[in-house]
Amino acid sequence: MSESATRDAILAEAAGLRRAWAEHRADVEQAIAAAARLRTAFARPADPAAEPLPAQRAPEAGR
């Protein structure tokens, strides 16, 4: 088994996808690859406390 296949199997197991890995391995591999691409698509902020969106406020009743 290649290194990437082993890594994918470990990730699938950690995510609780044992049955999906056994029955739909190609789909799980595609999902793992997509998640890896998305993970690198966003730059991390320099300040770890920074929020990715401005603060939101819940609407008040009657307004």
N, C-alpha and C. Protein backbone atom coordinates (compact mmCIF):
# COMPACT_ATOMS: atom_id res chain seq x y z
N MET A 1 0.85 -1.17 0.00
CA MET A 1 0.00 0.00 0.00
C MET A 1 0.90 1.24 0.00
N SER A 2 0.58 2.23 -0.85
CA SER A 2 1.41 3.42 -0.94
C SER A 2 1.21 4.30 0.30
N GLU A 3 2.12 5.24 0.45
CA GLU A 3 2.07 6.14 1.60
C GLU A 3 0.78 6.96 1.62
N SER A 4 0.34 7.46 0.45
CA SER A 4 -0.88 8.27 0.42
C SER A 4 -2.11 7.41 0.69
N ALA A 5 -2.11 6.17 0.22
CA ALA A 5 -3.24 5.27 0.48
C ALA A 5 -3.30 4.94 1.97
N THR A 6 -2.15 4.75 2.60
CA THR A 6 -2.11 4.49 4.03
C THR A 6 -2.62 5.69 4.80
N ARG A 7 -2.17 6.90 4.40
CA ARG A 7 -2.62 8.12 5.05
C ARG A 7 -4.14 8.28 4.91
N ASP A 8 -4.65 8.04 3.70
CA ASP A 8 -6.09 8.15 3.46
C ASP A 8 -6.87 7.14 4.29
N ALA A 9 -6.36 5.93 4.41
CA ALA A 9 -7.02 4.90 5.22
C ALA A 9 -7.07 5.33 6.69
N ILE A 10 -6.00 5.91 7.18
CA ILE A 10 -5.94 6.37 8.57
C ILE A 10 -6.92 7.52 8.78
N LEU A 11 -6.97 8.46 7.82
CA LEU A 11 -7.91 9.58 7.93
C LEU A 11 -9.36 9.09 7.89
N ALA A 12 -9.65 8.16 7.01
CA ALA A 12 -11.00 7.62 6.92
C ALA A 12 -11.39 6.92 8.22
N GLU A 13 -10.48 6.17 8.78
CA GLU A 13 -10.74 5.49 10.05
C GLU A 13 -10.99 6.50 11.16
N ALA A 14 -10.17 7.55 11.21
CA ALA A 14 -10.32 8.57 12.25
C ALA A 14 -11.64 9.32 12.12
N ALA A 15 -12.13 9.45 10.89
CA ALA A 15 -13.40 10.14 10.66
C ALA A 15 -14.60 9.22 10.82
N GLY A 16 -14.38 7.96 11.13
CA GLY A 16 -15.47 7.02 11.31
C GLY A 16 -16.05 6.54 9.99
N LEU A 17 -15.22 6.51 8.95
CA LEU A 17 -15.68 6.13 7.61
C LEU A 17 -15.19 4.75 7.21
N ARG A 18 -15.11 3.85 8.14
CA ARG A 18 -14.60 2.51 7.85
C ARG A 18 -15.44 1.81 6.78
N ARG A 19 -16.76 1.87 6.91
CA ARG A 19 -17.63 1.19 5.93
C ARG A 19 -17.55 1.90 4.57
N ALA A 20 -17.57 3.24 4.58
CA ALA A 20 -17.47 3.99 3.32
C ALA A 20 -16.13 3.71 2.65
N TRP A 21 -15.07 3.61 3.43
CA TRP A 21 -13.75 3.31 2.88
C TRP A 21 -13.75 1.93 2.22
N ALA A 22 -14.40 0.98 2.84
CA ALA A 22 -14.44 -0.37 2.28
C ALA A 22 -15.31 -0.46 1.03
N GLU A 23 -16.43 0.28 1.04
CA GLU A 23 -17.38 0.15 -0.06
C GLU A 23 -17.25 1.20 -1.16
N HIS A 24 -16.72 2.36 -0.82
CA HIS A 24 -16.64 3.47 -1.78
C HIS A 24 -15.30 4.20 -1.65
N ARG A 25 -14.24 3.46 -1.77
CA ARG A 25 -12.90 4.00 -1.53
C ARG A 25 -12.58 5.19 -2.42
N ALA A 26 -12.92 5.13 -3.68
CA ALA A 26 -12.60 6.23 -4.60
C ALA A 26 -13.29 7.53 -4.18
N ASP A 27 -14.53 7.42 -3.73
CA ASP A 27 -15.26 8.61 -3.29
C ASP A 27 -14.62 9.22 -2.04
N VAL A 28 -14.22 8.38 -1.11
CA VAL A 28 -13.58 8.86 0.11
C VAL A 28 -12.24 9.50 -0.23
N GLU A 29 -11.49 8.90 -1.13
CA GLU A 29 -10.21 9.47 -1.55
C GLU A 29 -10.41 10.84 -2.19
N GLN A 30 -11.46 10.99 -3.01
CA GLN A 30 -11.75 12.28 -3.63
C GLN A 30 -12.12 13.31 -2.58
N ALA A 31 -12.89 12.92 -1.59
CA ALA A 31 -13.28 13.84 -0.52
C ALA A 31 -12.07 14.28 0.30
N ILE A 32 -11.16 13.37 0.56
CA ILE A 32 -9.94 13.70 1.30
C ILE A 32 -9.09 14.68 0.48
N ALA A 33 -8.98 14.43 -0.82
CA ALA A 33 -8.20 15.33 -1.68
C ALA A 33 -8.84 16.72 -1.74
N ALA A 34 -10.16 16.78 -1.81
CA ALA A 34 -10.85 18.07 -1.84
C ALA A 34 -10.64 18.83 -0.53
N ALA A 35 -10.71 18.14 0.57
CA ALA A 35 -10.50 18.78 1.87
C ALA A 35 -9.07 19.30 1.99
N ALA A 36 -8.10 18.56 1.46
CA ALA A 36 -6.71 19.01 1.50
C ALA A 36 -6.53 20.26 0.66
N ARG A 37 -7.20 20.32 -0.51
CA ARG A 37 -7.11 21.53 -1.35
C ARG A 37 -7.74 22.72 -0.65
N LEU A 38 -8.88 22.52 -0.02
CA LEU A 38 -9.54 23.62 0.68
C LEU A 38 -8.73 24.11 1.87
N ARG A 39 -8.07 23.18 2.52
CA ARG A 39 -7.27 23.55 3.69
C ARG A 39 -6.16 24.52 3.33
N THR A 40 -5.59 24.36 2.16
CA THR A 40 -4.49 25.23 1.75
C THR A 40 -4.98 26.45 0.97
N ALA A 41 -6.28 26.55 0.70
CA ALA A 41 -6.81 27.66 -0.10
C ALA A 41 -6.96 28.94 0.71
N PHE A 42 -6.99 28.85 2.02
CA PHE A 42 -7.20 30.02 2.85
C PHE A 42 -5.94 30.34 3.64
N ALA A 43 -5.57 31.60 3.64
CA ALA A 43 -4.39 32.03 4.40
C ALA A 43 -4.75 32.15 5.88
N ARG A 44 -3.87 31.69 6.72
CA ARG A 44 -4.10 31.82 8.16
C ARG A 44 -3.82 33.27 8.56
N PRO A 45 -4.65 33.83 9.45
CA PRO A 45 -4.37 35.19 9.92
C PRO A 45 -3.15 35.20 10.83
N ALA A 46 -2.45 36.31 10.86
CA ALA A 46 -1.27 36.42 11.71
C ALA A 46 -1.66 36.34 13.19
N ASP A 47 -2.82 36.90 13.53
CA ASP A 47 -3.30 36.89 14.90
C ASP A 47 -4.24 35.69 15.08
N PRO A 48 -3.89 34.73 15.94
CA PRO A 48 -4.73 33.55 16.10
C PRO A 48 -6.12 33.87 16.64
N ALA A 49 -6.30 35.02 17.29
CA ALA A 49 -7.60 35.39 17.84
C ALA A 49 -8.48 36.08 16.80
N ALA A 50 -7.94 36.36 15.63
CA ALA A 50 -8.70 37.05 14.59
C ALA A 50 -9.84 36.16 14.09
N GLU A 51 -10.98 36.79 13.87
CA GLU A 51 -12.13 36.05 13.37
C GLU A 51 -12.19 36.18 11.85
N PRO A 52 -12.60 35.12 11.15
CA PRO A 52 -12.63 35.18 9.69
C PRO A 52 -13.73 36.09 9.15
N LEU A 53 -14.76 36.35 9.94
CA LEU A 53 -15.86 37.23 9.53
C LEU A 53 -16.08 38.27 10.62
N PRO A 54 -16.68 39.39 10.27
CA PRO A 54 -16.99 40.36 11.32
C PRO A 54 -17.99 39.76 12.32
N ALA A 55 -17.97 40.26 13.50
CA ALA A 55 -18.88 39.75 14.54
C ALA A 55 -20.32 39.93 14.09
N GLN A 56 -21.14 38.97 14.40
CA GLN A 56 -22.55 39.00 14.04
C GLN A 56 -23.39 39.20 15.29
N ARG A 57 -24.54 39.83 15.11
CA ARG A 57 -25.44 40.04 16.23
C ARG A 57 -26.79 39.43 15.89
N ALA A 58 -27.36 38.71 16.82
CA ALA A 58 -28.67 38.11 16.59
C ALA A 58 -29.72 39.20 16.52
N PRO A 59 -30.72 39.05 15.65
CA PRO A 59 -31.76 40.07 15.59
C PRO A 59 -32.55 40.12 16.90
N GLU A 60 -32.97 41.32 17.25
CA GLU A 60 -33.73 41.50 18.48
C GLU A 60 -35.21 41.25 18.19
N ALA A 61 -35.91 40.72 19.16
CA ALA A 61 -37.34 40.45 18.98
C ALA A 61 -38.09 41.76 18.77
N GLY A 62 -39.01 41.77 17.83
CA GLY A 62 -39.83 42.96 17.56
C GLY A 62 -39.19 43.94 16.61
N ARG A 63 -38.07 43.66 16.05
CA ARG A 63 -37.42 44.58 15.11
C ARG A 63 -37.36 43.99 13.76
